[in-house]
Amino acid sequence: MGNHQAIARELINEEITPQEERAYLTWAAARPPDEMASVRAYGAAVKSVFRSLEDLRQKKVEPSSAEVQALITDWNAIAVRHGLRNFMATLMEWNPVVAQKWFRVGERAMSRSMTALQGPPDDGLWAYFGAAQEASPWHRALTQITLEASKLVQRKVNPTSESAAALAHDLARICSEYSLGDPLVYARWAAAMQFRKSDEENGRLKAAWMYLAESLRL
């Protein structure tokens, strides 16, 4: 096995039980073959992006810098091309506990393989990647939409309302403007990925994104 694969295998053994691994492999085997092939292709295509991000992190380049943001744009294009967001959302909808463990293994494996020659691995690469995403122009634009969606959720406004439809339209516009792919896929993915902050913030953002997804479906 290559270095990354060997690291991933070690981390799987550490973090995922044999029962959880079998459950995931059974689920993955039932997925469309072209989907799984595309996800594997994503893993190969994205390595150069994260290698460059790690280099910039080591140089202490700000996540909001043009250099870093160009890499985030590249990452987004690869993610859209290979259907990453749909795969991650579907996996989380199947089993969020197991899915989060697999995401963690993938992140740790990538971090270790990128930093193996530079010192002890840490979580800094993923914190840097997250900060870069939050500094992206589309994330800033979408933050306002989720704030407004949260207000509608709190007021129990129906997702079929004109207010909800207007937010869904804005979401679709931003997805088109920044090449984020299908807005419903983006909303499902964003809802599924709300597990890294406080419980209160995770709950608020998850509810907002689910609300937007429901409005897009109607």
N, C-alpha and C. Protein backbone atom coordinates (compact mmCIF):
# COMPACT_ATOMS: atom_id res chain seq x y z
N MET A 1 0.84 -1.20 0.00
CA MET A 1 0.00 0.00 0.00
C MET A 1 0.87 1.24 0.00
N GLY A 2 0.33 2.32 -0.59
CA GLY A 2 1.01 3.59 -0.52
C GLY A 2 0.95 4.14 0.89
N ASN A 3 1.71 5.18 1.13
CA ASN A 3 1.78 5.75 2.47
C ASN A 3 0.41 6.17 2.99
N HIS A 4 -0.35 6.89 2.17
CA HIS A 4 -1.67 7.37 2.58
C HIS A 4 -2.58 6.19 2.92
N GLN A 5 -2.56 5.16 2.09
CA GLN A 5 -3.41 3.99 2.33
C GLN A 5 -3.02 3.29 3.62
N ALA A 6 -1.73 3.16 3.87
CA ALA A 6 -1.27 2.50 5.09
C ALA A 6 -1.69 3.29 6.32
N ILE A 7 -1.56 4.61 6.24
CA ILE A 7 -1.98 5.46 7.35
C ILE A 7 -3.48 5.33 7.58
N ALA A 8 -4.26 5.35 6.49
CA ALA A 8 -5.71 5.23 6.61
C ALA A 8 -6.10 3.90 7.25
N ARG A 9 -5.41 2.81 6.85
CA ARG A 9 -5.72 1.51 7.42
C ARG A 9 -5.45 1.49 8.93
N GLU A 10 -4.36 2.09 9.33
CA GLU A 10 -4.03 2.16 10.75
C GLU A 10 -5.09 2.94 11.52
N LEU A 11 -5.53 4.05 10.96
CA LEU A 11 -6.53 4.87 11.63
C LEU A 11 -7.90 4.20 11.67
N ILE A 12 -8.24 3.49 10.61
CA ILE A 12 -9.50 2.72 10.61
C ILE A 12 -9.49 1.73 11.76
N ASN A 13 -8.36 1.03 11.92
CA ASN A 13 -8.26 0.06 13.01
C ASN A 13 -8.39 0.72 14.38
N GLU A 14 -7.93 1.97 14.49
CA GLU A 14 -7.98 2.69 15.76
C GLU A 14 -9.37 3.22 16.08
N GLU A 15 -10.06 3.73 15.06
CA GLU A 15 -11.26 4.53 15.32
C GLU A 15 -12.58 3.85 14.96
N ILE A 16 -12.54 2.83 14.11
CA ILE A 16 -13.77 2.23 13.61
C ILE A 16 -13.82 0.76 14.00
N THR A 17 -14.93 0.33 14.57
CA THR A 17 -15.05 -1.07 14.97
C THR A 17 -15.24 -1.94 13.73
N PRO A 18 -14.90 -3.23 13.82
CA PRO A 18 -15.14 -4.13 12.68
C PRO A 18 -16.60 -4.12 12.24
N GLN A 19 -17.52 -4.03 13.19
CA GLN A 19 -18.95 -4.00 12.84
C GLN A 19 -19.29 -2.73 12.05
N GLU A 20 -18.72 -1.60 12.49
CA GLU A 20 -18.98 -0.35 11.76
C GLU A 20 -18.36 -0.37 10.38
N GLU A 21 -17.18 -0.96 10.27
CA GLU A 21 -16.55 -1.05 8.95
C GLU A 21 -17.36 -1.93 8.02
N ARG A 22 -17.84 -3.06 8.53
CA ARG A 22 -18.67 -3.94 7.69
C ARG A 22 -19.96 -3.24 7.27
N ALA A 23 -20.56 -2.50 8.19
CA ALA A 23 -21.80 -1.78 7.87
C ALA A 23 -21.55 -0.76 6.76
N TYR A 24 -20.44 -0.03 6.88
CA TYR A 24 -20.12 0.95 5.85
C TYR A 24 -19.86 0.28 4.50
N LEU A 25 -19.06 -0.79 4.50
CA LEU A 25 -18.74 -1.47 3.26
C LEU A 25 -19.99 -2.06 2.61
N THR A 26 -20.92 -2.54 3.42
CA THR A 26 -22.19 -3.06 2.88
C THR A 26 -22.99 -1.93 2.25
N TRP A 27 -23.03 -0.79 2.95
CA TRP A 27 -23.74 0.38 2.40
C TRP A 27 -23.08 0.83 1.11
N ALA A 28 -21.75 0.94 1.11
CA ALA A 28 -21.03 1.41 -0.07
C ALA A 28 -21.21 0.46 -1.25
N ALA A 29 -21.26 -0.83 -0.98
CA ALA A 29 -21.42 -1.82 -2.05
C ALA A 29 -22.77 -1.68 -2.74
N ALA A 30 -23.75 -1.13 -2.03
CA ALA A 30 -25.09 -0.97 -2.61
C ALA A 30 -25.23 0.35 -3.36
N ARG A 31 -24.24 1.21 -3.26
CA ARG A 31 -24.29 2.48 -3.97
C ARG A 31 -23.96 2.27 -5.46
N PRO A 32 -24.37 3.20 -6.33
CA PRO A 32 -24.03 3.06 -7.75
C PRO A 32 -22.51 2.98 -7.95
N PRO A 33 -22.03 2.03 -8.75
CA PRO A 33 -20.58 1.88 -8.94
C PRO A 33 -19.90 3.14 -9.44
N ASP A 34 -20.57 3.90 -10.31
CA ASP A 34 -19.93 5.11 -10.83
C ASP A 34 -19.79 6.17 -9.74
N GLU A 35 -20.70 6.16 -8.76
CA GLU A 35 -20.58 7.11 -7.64
C GLU A 35 -19.34 6.80 -6.82
N MET A 36 -19.14 5.54 -6.49
CA MET A 36 -18.00 5.17 -5.67
C MET A 36 -16.69 5.40 -6.42
N ALA A 37 -16.70 5.13 -7.73
CA ALA A 37 -15.50 5.39 -8.54
C ALA A 37 -15.18 6.87 -8.56
N SER A 38 -16.22 7.71 -8.62
CA SER A 38 -16.01 9.15 -8.65
C SER A 38 -15.46 9.65 -7.31
N VAL A 39 -15.93 9.07 -6.20
CA VAL A 39 -15.43 9.45 -4.88
C VAL A 39 -13.96 9.08 -4.74
N ARG A 40 -13.60 7.90 -5.23
CA ARG A 40 -12.18 7.51 -5.20
C ARG A 40 -11.33 8.46 -6.06
N ALA A 41 -11.87 8.86 -7.20
CA ALA A 41 -11.16 9.80 -8.07
C ALA A 41 -10.99 11.15 -7.38
N TYR A 42 -11.99 11.55 -6.61
CA TYR A 42 -11.87 12.80 -5.84
C TYR A 42 -10.67 12.72 -4.91
N GLY A 43 -10.53 11.61 -4.19
CA GLY A 43 -9.44 11.45 -3.25
C GLY A 43 -8.08 11.62 -3.91
N ALA A 44 -7.94 11.10 -5.12
CA ALA A 44 -6.68 11.22 -5.84
C ALA A 44 -6.47 12.65 -6.34
N ALA A 45 -7.55 13.27 -6.83
CA ALA A 45 -7.43 14.59 -7.45
C ALA A 45 -7.16 15.69 -6.44
N VAL A 46 -7.63 15.50 -5.21
CA VAL A 46 -7.58 16.60 -4.23
C VAL A 46 -6.27 16.65 -3.46
N LYS A 47 -5.43 15.64 -3.58
CA LYS A 47 -4.20 15.61 -2.79
C LYS A 47 -3.30 16.80 -3.06
N SER A 48 -3.19 17.20 -4.31
CA SER A 48 -2.31 18.33 -4.62
C SER A 48 -2.83 19.62 -3.99
N VAL A 49 -4.16 19.75 -3.90
CA VAL A 49 -4.74 20.95 -3.27
C VAL A 49 -4.36 21.01 -1.80
N PHE A 50 -4.52 19.88 -1.10
CA PHE A 50 -4.21 19.88 0.33
C PHE A 50 -2.70 19.98 0.59
N ARG A 51 -1.92 19.45 -0.33
CA ARG A 51 -0.47 19.60 -0.18
C ARG A 51 -0.08 21.09 -0.27
N SER A 52 -0.70 21.78 -1.21
CA SER A 52 -0.42 23.21 -1.35
C SER A 52 -0.96 24.00 -0.16
N LEU A 53 -2.14 23.60 0.34
CA LEU A 53 -2.68 24.26 1.53
C LEU A 53 -1.76 24.08 2.73
N GLU A 54 -1.23 22.88 2.89
CA GLU A 54 -0.32 22.62 4.00
C GLU A 54 0.95 23.47 3.87
N ASP A 55 1.45 23.60 2.66
CA ASP A 55 2.64 24.44 2.44
C ASP A 55 2.36 25.89 2.86
N LEU A 56 1.20 26.41 2.48
CA LEU A 56 0.85 27.78 2.83
C LEU A 56 0.60 27.91 4.34
N ARG A 57 0.01 26.89 4.93
CA ARG A 57 -0.19 26.91 6.38
C ARG A 57 1.14 26.99 7.11
N GLN A 58 2.11 26.18 6.65
CA GLN A 58 3.42 26.19 7.28
C GLN A 58 4.09 27.57 7.15
N LYS A 59 3.77 28.25 6.07
CA LYS A 59 4.33 29.59 5.85
C LYS A 59 3.51 30.68 6.55
N LYS A 60 2.41 30.25 7.23
CA LYS A 60 1.54 31.16 7.99
C LYS A 60 0.85 32.19 7.09
N VAL A 61 0.49 31.75 5.88
CA VAL A 61 -0.28 32.61 4.98
C VAL A 61 -1.73 32.65 5.47
N GLU A 62 -2.32 33.83 5.50
CA GLU A 62 -3.68 33.99 6.00
C GLU A 62 -4.69 33.20 5.15
N PRO A 63 -5.66 32.53 5.79
CA PRO A 63 -6.67 31.78 5.04
C PRO A 63 -7.45 32.62 4.04
N SER A 64 -7.56 33.92 4.31
CA SER A 64 -8.31 34.81 3.43
C SER A 64 -7.49 35.31 2.24
N SER A 65 -6.21 34.96 2.19
CA SER A 65 -5.34 35.46 1.12
C SER A 65 -5.76 34.93 -0.24
N ALA A 66 -5.34 35.63 -1.27
CA ALA A 66 -5.68 35.22 -2.64
C ALA A 66 -5.12 33.84 -2.97
N GLU A 67 -3.92 33.54 -2.48
CA GLU A 67 -3.31 32.23 -2.75
C GLU A 67 -4.15 31.09 -2.18
N VAL A 68 -4.57 31.25 -0.94
CA VAL A 68 -5.36 30.21 -0.29
C VAL A 68 -6.73 30.11 -0.93
N GLN A 69 -7.36 31.25 -1.19
CA GLN A 69 -8.70 31.24 -1.77
C GLN A 69 -8.71 30.62 -3.17
N ALA A 70 -7.63 30.77 -3.91
CA ALA A 70 -7.54 30.11 -5.22
C ALA A 70 -7.57 28.59 -5.04
N LEU A 71 -6.93 28.10 -4.01
CA LEU A 71 -6.94 26.66 -3.73
C LEU A 71 -8.32 26.19 -3.28
N ILE A 72 -9.03 27.02 -2.52
CA ILE A 72 -10.38 26.67 -2.09
C ILE A 72 -11.31 26.61 -3.30
N THR A 73 -11.10 27.50 -4.24
CA THR A 73 -11.87 27.46 -5.49
C THR A 73 -11.57 26.17 -6.25
N ASP A 74 -10.30 25.79 -6.30
CA ASP A 74 -9.92 24.54 -6.95
C ASP A 74 -10.57 23.34 -6.24
N TRP A 75 -10.52 23.36 -4.90
CA TRP A 75 -11.13 22.27 -4.13
C TRP A 75 -12.62 22.16 -4.45
N ASN A 76 -13.32 23.30 -4.49
CA ASN A 76 -14.74 23.28 -4.77
C ASN A 76 -15.02 22.68 -6.15
N ALA A 77 -14.22 23.05 -7.15
CA ALA A 77 -14.41 22.51 -8.50
C ALA A 77 -14.25 21.00 -8.51
N ILE A 78 -13.24 20.50 -7.79
CA ILE A 78 -13.02 19.05 -7.71
C ILE A 78 -14.17 18.38 -6.99
N ALA A 79 -14.62 18.98 -5.89
CA ALA A 79 -15.73 18.41 -5.11
C ALA A 79 -17.00 18.32 -5.95
N VAL A 80 -17.30 19.38 -6.70
CA VAL A 80 -18.50 19.38 -7.54
C VAL A 80 -18.36 18.34 -8.66
N ARG A 81 -17.19 18.32 -9.31
CA ARG A 81 -16.98 17.41 -10.43
C ARG A 81 -17.15 15.95 -10.02
N HIS A 82 -16.74 15.62 -8.80
CA HIS A 82 -16.78 14.23 -8.37
C HIS A 82 -17.96 13.91 -7.45
N GLY A 83 -18.89 14.84 -7.30
CA GLY A 83 -20.10 14.56 -6.53
C GLY A 83 -19.86 14.35 -5.04
N LEU A 84 -18.83 15.01 -4.50
CA LEU A 84 -18.47 14.77 -3.10
C LEU A 84 -19.59 15.17 -2.15
N ARG A 85 -20.19 16.33 -2.36
CA ARG A 85 -21.20 16.80 -1.41
C ARG A 85 -22.41 15.86 -1.36
N ASN A 86 -22.84 15.38 -2.50
CA ASN A 86 -23.98 14.46 -2.50
C ASN A 86 -23.62 13.17 -1.77
N PHE A 87 -22.40 12.67 -2.00
CA PHE A 87 -21.97 11.44 -1.33
C PHE A 87 -21.91 11.64 0.18
N MET A 88 -21.32 12.74 0.63
CA MET A 88 -21.20 12.98 2.06
C MET A 88 -22.56 13.17 2.72
N ALA A 89 -23.44 13.90 2.05
CA ALA A 89 -24.78 14.10 2.60
C ALA A 89 -25.53 12.78 2.71
N THR A 90 -25.44 11.96 1.67
CA THR A 90 -26.12 10.67 1.66
C THR A 90 -25.57 9.75 2.74
N LEU A 91 -24.25 9.77 2.92
CA LEU A 91 -23.62 8.95 3.95
C LEU A 91 -24.07 9.40 5.34
N MET A 92 -24.12 10.70 5.58
CA MET A 92 -24.57 11.21 6.87
C MET A 92 -26.05 10.90 7.11
N GLU A 93 -26.85 10.95 6.07
CA GLU A 93 -28.27 10.64 6.21
C GLU A 93 -28.47 9.16 6.52
N TRP A 94 -27.54 8.32 6.06
CA TRP A 94 -27.61 6.88 6.35
C TRP A 94 -27.25 6.60 7.80
N ASN A 95 -26.09 7.09 8.26
CA ASN A 95 -25.64 6.80 9.63
C ASN A 95 -24.65 7.89 10.06
N PRO A 96 -25.13 8.93 10.73
CA PRO A 96 -24.24 10.05 11.07
C PRO A 96 -23.09 9.66 12.00
N VAL A 97 -23.31 8.71 12.90
CA VAL A 97 -22.24 8.32 13.83
C VAL A 97 -21.08 7.67 13.07
N VAL A 98 -21.41 6.70 12.23
CA VAL A 98 -20.38 6.01 11.45
C VAL A 98 -19.76 6.97 10.43
N ALA A 99 -20.59 7.79 9.80
CA ALA A 99 -20.09 8.73 8.79
C ALA A 99 -19.06 9.68 9.39
N GLN A 100 -19.35 10.23 10.57
CA GLN A 100 -18.42 11.16 11.19
C GLN A 100 -17.08 10.48 11.50
N LYS A 101 -17.12 9.20 11.88
CA LYS A 101 -15.88 8.48 12.13
C LYS A 101 -15.07 8.33 10.84
N TRP A 102 -15.75 8.03 9.73
CA TRP A 102 -15.04 7.90 8.45
C TRP A 102 -14.46 9.24 8.02
N PHE A 103 -15.23 10.32 8.22
CA PHE A 103 -14.70 11.65 7.87
C PHE A 103 -13.45 11.94 8.69
N ARG A 104 -13.51 11.62 9.98
CA ARG A 104 -12.37 11.87 10.85
C ARG A 104 -11.15 11.06 10.41
N VAL A 105 -11.35 9.81 10.04
CA VAL A 105 -10.25 8.99 9.55
C VAL A 105 -9.65 9.62 8.29
N GLY A 106 -10.50 10.04 7.38
CA GLY A 106 -10.01 10.66 6.14
C GLY A 106 -9.21 11.91 6.41
N GLU A 107 -9.70 12.74 7.34
CA GLU A 107 -8.99 13.98 7.66
C GLU A 107 -7.64 13.69 8.31
N ARG A 108 -7.63 12.78 9.27
CA ARG A 108 -6.38 12.47 9.97
C ARG A 108 -5.37 11.82 9.02
N ALA A 109 -5.86 10.96 8.13
CA ALA A 109 -4.96 10.30 7.18
C ALA A 109 -4.34 11.32 6.23
N MET A 110 -5.16 12.26 5.75
CA MET A 110 -4.64 13.29 4.86
C MET A 110 -3.62 14.15 5.59
N SER A 111 -3.95 14.54 6.82
CA SER A 111 -3.04 15.39 7.59
C SER A 111 -1.72 14.70 7.85
N ARG A 112 -1.77 13.43 8.25
CA ARG A 112 -0.54 12.69 8.53
C ARG A 112 0.31 12.53 7.28
N SER A 113 -0.33 12.22 6.16
CA SER A 113 0.45 12.00 4.94
C SER A 113 1.07 13.29 4.44
N MET A 114 0.42 14.44 4.72
CA MET A 114 0.95 15.73 4.28
C MET A 114 2.07 16.23 5.19
N THR A 115 2.04 15.85 6.47
CA THR A 115 2.98 16.42 7.43
C THR A 115 4.05 15.42 7.86
N ALA A 116 4.04 14.22 7.30
CA ALA A 116 4.94 13.16 7.76
C ALA A 116 6.41 13.57 7.68
N LEU A 117 6.75 14.38 6.68
CA LEU A 117 8.14 14.76 6.51
C LEU A 117 8.49 16.09 7.19
N GLN A 118 7.48 16.69 7.86
CA GLN A 118 7.69 18.02 8.41
C GLN A 118 7.58 18.05 9.94
N GLY A 119 7.33 16.93 10.56
CA GLY A 119 7.19 16.91 12.01
C GLY A 119 5.94 16.16 12.41
N PRO A 120 5.61 16.14 13.69
CA PRO A 120 4.43 15.42 14.17
C PRO A 120 3.15 15.95 13.54
N PRO A 121 2.24 15.07 13.11
CA PRO A 121 0.99 15.52 12.51
C PRO A 121 0.07 16.14 13.56
N ASP A 122 -0.76 17.06 13.14
CA ASP A 122 -1.75 17.64 14.04
C ASP A 122 -3.01 17.94 13.25
N ASP A 123 -3.98 18.62 13.90
CA ASP A 123 -5.24 18.93 13.23
C ASP A 123 -5.20 20.29 12.56
N GLY A 124 -4.02 20.90 12.50
CA GLY A 124 -3.93 22.26 11.98
C GLY A 124 -4.35 22.40 10.53
N LEU A 125 -4.08 21.41 9.71
CA LEU A 125 -4.45 21.49 8.30
C LEU A 125 -5.95 21.64 8.15
N TRP A 126 -6.73 20.88 8.93
CA TRP A 126 -8.18 20.91 8.78
C TRP A 126 -8.79 22.17 9.38
N ALA A 127 -8.17 22.67 10.44
CA ALA A 127 -8.62 23.95 10.98
C ALA A 127 -8.34 25.06 9.95
N TYR A 128 -7.20 24.98 9.30
CA TYR A 128 -6.80 25.95 8.27
C TYR A 128 -7.76 25.86 7.07
N PHE A 129 -8.06 24.65 6.65
CA PHE A 129 -8.99 24.44 5.54
C PHE A 129 -10.36 25.00 5.89
N GLY A 130 -10.83 24.73 7.13
CA GLY A 130 -12.12 25.26 7.56
C GLY A 130 -12.14 26.77 7.59
N ALA A 131 -11.06 27.38 8.09
CA ALA A 131 -10.98 28.83 8.12
C ALA A 131 -10.97 29.41 6.72
N ALA A 132 -10.31 28.73 5.80
CA ALA A 132 -10.27 29.20 4.41
C ALA A 132 -11.66 29.12 3.77
N GLN A 133 -12.39 28.04 4.06
CA GLN A 133 -13.75 27.94 3.54
C GLN A 133 -14.62 29.07 4.09
N GLU A 134 -14.49 29.33 5.39
CA GLU A 134 -15.31 30.38 6.00
C GLU A 134 -14.95 31.77 5.46
N ALA A 135 -13.73 31.93 4.96
CA ALA A 135 -13.31 33.21 4.38
C ALA A 135 -13.70 33.35 2.91
N SER A 136 -14.22 32.28 2.31
CA SER A 136 -14.57 32.32 0.89
C SER A 136 -15.76 33.25 0.66
N PRO A 137 -15.84 33.86 -0.51
CA PRO A 137 -16.95 34.79 -0.78
C PRO A 137 -18.30 34.11 -0.75
N TRP A 138 -18.38 32.86 -1.17
CA TRP A 138 -19.68 32.19 -1.15
C TRP A 138 -20.12 31.87 0.29
N HIS A 139 -19.17 31.52 1.15
CA HIS A 139 -19.55 31.24 2.53
C HIS A 139 -20.08 32.51 3.20
N ARG A 140 -19.44 33.63 2.95
CA ARG A 140 -19.90 34.88 3.53
C ARG A 140 -21.30 35.23 3.02
N ALA A 141 -21.54 34.99 1.74
CA ALA A 141 -22.86 35.27 1.18
C ALA A 141 -23.93 34.33 1.76
N LEU A 142 -23.57 33.08 1.93
CA LEU A 142 -24.52 32.10 2.44
C LEU A 142 -24.80 32.28 3.93
N THR A 143 -23.85 32.88 4.66
CA THR A 143 -24.07 33.12 6.09
C THR A 143 -25.30 33.99 6.31
N GLN A 144 -25.48 35.00 5.49
CA GLN A 144 -26.64 35.87 5.63
C GLN A 144 -27.92 35.10 5.34
N ILE A 145 -27.88 34.22 4.37
CA ILE A 145 -29.06 33.43 4.05
C ILE A 145 -29.44 32.51 5.21
N THR A 146 -28.45 31.88 5.83
CA THR A 146 -28.77 30.99 6.95
C THR A 146 -29.27 31.77 8.16
N LEU A 147 -28.77 32.99 8.34
CA LEU A 147 -29.29 33.82 9.43
C LEU A 147 -30.77 34.12 9.21
N GLU A 148 -31.12 34.47 7.98
CA GLU A 148 -32.52 34.76 7.68
C GLU A 148 -33.38 33.49 7.76
N ALA A 149 -32.83 32.38 7.32
CA ALA A 149 -33.57 31.12 7.41
C ALA A 149 -33.81 30.73 8.87
N SER A 150 -32.83 30.97 9.73
CA SER A 150 -32.99 30.68 11.15
C SER A 150 -34.14 31.47 11.76
N LYS A 151 -34.28 32.73 11.34
CA LYS A 151 -35.39 33.56 11.83
C LYS A 151 -36.73 32.98 11.40
N LEU A 152 -36.81 32.51 10.16
CA LEU A 152 -38.06 31.92 9.68
C LEU A 152 -38.37 30.62 10.43
N VAL A 153 -37.32 29.83 10.71
CA VAL A 153 -37.52 28.60 11.47
C VAL A 153 -38.06 28.92 12.86
N GLN A 154 -37.47 29.91 13.52
CA GLN A 154 -37.91 30.29 14.86
C GLN A 154 -39.35 30.77 14.87
N ARG A 155 -39.75 31.46 13.80
CA ARG A 155 -41.12 31.97 13.71
C ARG A 155 -42.08 30.93 13.16
N LYS A 156 -41.54 29.74 12.80
CA LYS A 156 -42.35 28.64 12.27
C LYS A 156 -43.07 29.04 10.98
N VAL A 157 -42.34 29.78 10.15
CA VAL A 157 -42.89 30.16 8.84
C VAL A 157 -42.78 28.95 7.91
N ASN A 158 -43.85 28.66 7.22
CA ASN A 158 -43.88 27.49 6.34
C ASN A 158 -42.83 27.62 5.23
N PRO A 159 -42.10 26.52 4.93
CA PRO A 159 -41.09 26.60 3.85
C PRO A 159 -41.68 26.85 2.46
N THR A 160 -43.02 26.80 2.35
CA THR A 160 -43.66 27.15 1.08
C THR A 160 -43.93 28.65 0.97
N SER A 161 -43.63 29.40 2.00
CA SER A 161 -43.93 30.84 2.02
C SER A 161 -43.09 31.60 1.00
N GLU A 162 -43.52 32.82 0.72
CA GLU A 162 -42.77 33.68 -0.20
C GLU A 162 -41.39 34.01 0.37
N SER A 163 -41.33 34.21 1.68
CA SER A 163 -40.05 34.54 2.32
C SER A 163 -39.06 33.40 2.16
N ALA A 164 -39.53 32.17 2.38
CA ALA A 164 -38.67 31.00 2.24
C ALA A 164 -38.25 30.82 0.78
N ALA A 165 -39.20 31.01 -0.14
CA ALA A 165 -38.90 30.85 -1.56
C ALA A 165 -37.85 31.88 -2.01
N ALA A 166 -37.91 33.07 -1.44
CA ALA A 166 -36.94 34.11 -1.80
C ALA A 166 -35.54 33.71 -1.34
N LEU A 167 -35.44 33.13 -0.13
CA LEU A 167 -34.14 32.67 0.35
C LEU A 167 -33.62 31.52 -0.48
N ALA A 168 -34.52 30.60 -0.84
CA ALA A 168 -34.11 29.48 -1.69
C ALA A 168 -33.63 29.97 -3.04
N HIS A 169 -34.27 31.00 -3.56
CA HIS A 169 -33.85 31.60 -4.83
C HIS A 169 -32.46 32.22 -4.69
N ASP A 170 -32.22 32.91 -3.58
CA ASP A 170 -30.90 33.51 -3.34
C ASP A 170 -29.83 32.43 -3.22
N LEU A 171 -30.16 31.33 -2.55
CA LEU A 171 -29.22 30.22 -2.43
C LEU A 171 -28.87 29.66 -3.81
N ALA A 172 -29.89 29.45 -4.63
CA ALA A 172 -29.65 28.93 -5.98
C ALA A 172 -28.79 29.90 -6.79
N ARG A 173 -29.02 31.19 -6.62
CA ARG A 173 -28.23 32.20 -7.34
C ARG A 173 -26.76 32.15 -6.92
N ILE A 174 -26.52 32.05 -5.63
CA ILE A 174 -25.14 32.00 -5.14
C ILE A 174 -24.45 30.71 -5.60
N CYS A 175 -25.18 29.60 -5.57
CA CYS A 175 -24.60 28.35 -6.05
C CYS A 175 -24.22 28.44 -7.51
N SER A 176 -25.04 29.14 -8.30
CA SER A 176 -24.73 29.32 -9.71
C SER A 176 -23.56 30.29 -9.90
N GLU A 177 -23.58 31.38 -9.15
CA GLU A 177 -22.54 32.41 -9.29
C GLU A 177 -21.16 31.87 -8.93
N TYR A 178 -21.10 31.01 -7.92
CA TYR A 178 -19.80 30.51 -7.45
C TYR A 178 -19.54 29.05 -7.83
N SER A 179 -20.35 28.52 -8.74
CA SER A 179 -20.15 27.15 -9.25
C SER A 179 -20.13 26.12 -8.12
N LEU A 180 -21.12 26.21 -7.23
CA LEU A 180 -21.21 25.29 -6.09
C LEU A 180 -22.04 24.05 -6.40
N GLY A 181 -22.57 23.96 -7.62
CA GLY A 181 -23.37 22.80 -7.99
C GLY A 181 -24.83 22.96 -7.62
N ASP A 182 -25.54 21.84 -7.62
CA ASP A 182 -26.97 21.80 -7.34
C ASP A 182 -27.24 22.41 -5.95
N PRO A 183 -28.11 23.43 -5.86
CA PRO A 183 -28.35 24.07 -4.56
C PRO A 183 -28.98 23.12 -3.54
N LEU A 184 -29.82 22.18 -3.99
CA LEU A 184 -30.41 21.23 -3.05
C LEU A 184 -29.34 20.31 -2.48
N VAL A 185 -28.43 19.86 -3.32
CA VAL A 185 -27.30 19.04 -2.83
C VAL A 185 -26.47 19.84 -1.84
N TYR A 186 -26.22 21.11 -2.16
CA TYR A 186 -25.42 21.94 -1.25
C TYR A 186 -26.12 22.07 0.10
N ALA A 187 -27.43 22.32 0.08
CA ALA A 187 -28.18 22.49 1.33
C ALA A 187 -28.18 21.20 2.15
N ARG A 188 -28.37 20.07 1.49
CA ARG A 188 -28.34 18.78 2.21
C ARG A 188 -26.96 18.54 2.83
N TRP A 189 -25.92 18.81 2.06
CA TRP A 189 -24.55 18.64 2.55
C TRP A 189 -24.27 19.57 3.72
N ALA A 190 -24.65 20.84 3.58
CA ALA A 190 -24.41 21.81 4.65
C ALA A 190 -25.15 21.42 5.92
N ALA A 191 -26.37 20.94 5.79
CA ALA A 191 -27.13 20.48 6.97
C ALA A 191 -26.43 19.30 7.63
N ALA A 192 -25.96 18.37 6.82
CA ALA A 192 -25.34 17.15 7.35
C ALA A 192 -24.03 17.43 8.05
N MET A 193 -23.33 18.48 7.64
CA MET A 193 -21.99 18.73 8.16
C MET A 193 -21.97 19.61 9.40
N GLN A 194 -23.13 19.87 9.98
CA GLN A 194 -23.18 20.72 11.18
C GLN A 194 -22.98 19.86 12.42
N PHE A 195 -21.71 19.53 12.70
CA PHE A 195 -21.41 18.77 13.92
C PHE A 195 -20.06 19.18 14.52
N ARG A 196 -19.49 20.26 14.06
CA ARG A 196 -18.15 20.66 14.50
C ARG A 196 -18.15 21.82 15.49
N LYS A 197 -19.29 22.47 15.68
CA LYS A 197 -19.36 23.61 16.58
C LYS A 197 -20.08 23.21 17.87
N SER A 198 -20.57 24.19 18.60
CA SER A 198 -21.33 23.89 19.81
C SER A 198 -22.66 23.25 19.43
N ASP A 199 -23.27 22.54 20.37
CA ASP A 199 -24.55 21.90 20.10
C ASP A 199 -25.60 22.92 19.67
N GLU A 200 -25.58 24.08 20.32
CA GLU A 200 -26.57 25.12 19.99
C GLU A 200 -26.37 25.62 18.57
N GLU A 201 -25.13 25.92 18.22
CA GLU A 201 -24.85 26.43 16.87
C GLU A 201 -25.07 25.36 15.82
N ASN A 202 -24.66 24.14 16.12
CA ASN A 202 -24.92 23.03 15.18
C ASN A 202 -26.41 22.88 14.92
N GLY A 203 -27.20 22.93 16.00
CA GLY A 203 -28.64 22.76 15.85
C GLY A 203 -29.27 23.88 15.05
N ARG A 204 -28.83 25.11 15.30
CA ARG A 204 -29.39 26.25 14.57
C ARG A 204 -29.09 26.17 13.09
N LEU A 205 -27.83 25.89 12.76
CA LEU A 205 -27.44 25.84 11.35
C LEU A 205 -28.05 24.64 10.64
N LYS A 206 -28.10 23.51 11.32
CA LYS A 206 -28.70 22.33 10.71
C LYS A 206 -30.18 22.58 10.37
N ALA A 207 -30.90 23.19 11.34
CA ALA A 207 -32.31 23.48 11.10
C ALA A 207 -32.49 24.46 9.95
N ALA A 208 -31.60 25.47 9.87
CA ALA A 208 -31.69 26.46 8.79
C ALA A 208 -31.46 25.82 7.43
N TRP A 209 -30.44 24.97 7.34
CA TRP A 209 -30.14 24.32 6.06
C TRP A 209 -31.21 23.31 5.67
N MET A 210 -31.75 22.59 6.63
CA MET A 210 -32.84 21.66 6.33
C MET A 210 -34.08 22.41 5.85
N TYR A 211 -34.33 23.55 6.43
CA TYR A 211 -35.44 24.41 6.03
C TYR A 211 -35.26 24.86 4.58
N LEU A 212 -34.05 25.31 4.25
CA LEU A 212 -33.77 25.73 2.88
C LEU A 212 -33.90 24.57 1.91
N ALA A 213 -33.43 23.39 2.31
CA ALA A 213 -33.55 22.20 1.45
C ALA A 213 -35.02 21.86 1.20
N GLU A 214 -35.82 21.96 2.26
CA GLU A 214 -37.25 21.68 2.10
C GLU A 214 -37.91 22.68 1.17
N SER A 215 -37.53 23.95 1.28
CA SER A 215 -38.09 24.96 0.40
C SER A 215 -37.69 24.71 -1.05
N LEU A 216 -36.47 24.27 -1.28
CA LEU A 216 -36.02 23.96 -2.64
C LEU A 216 -36.78 22.79 -3.22
N ARG A 217 -37.17 21.83 -2.38
CA ARG A 217 -37.88 20.66 -2.86
C ARG A 217 -39.31 20.97 -3.26
N LEU A 218 -39.89 22.02 -2.67
CA LEU A 218 -41.32 22.32 -2.87
C LEU A 218 -41.55 23.15 -4.12
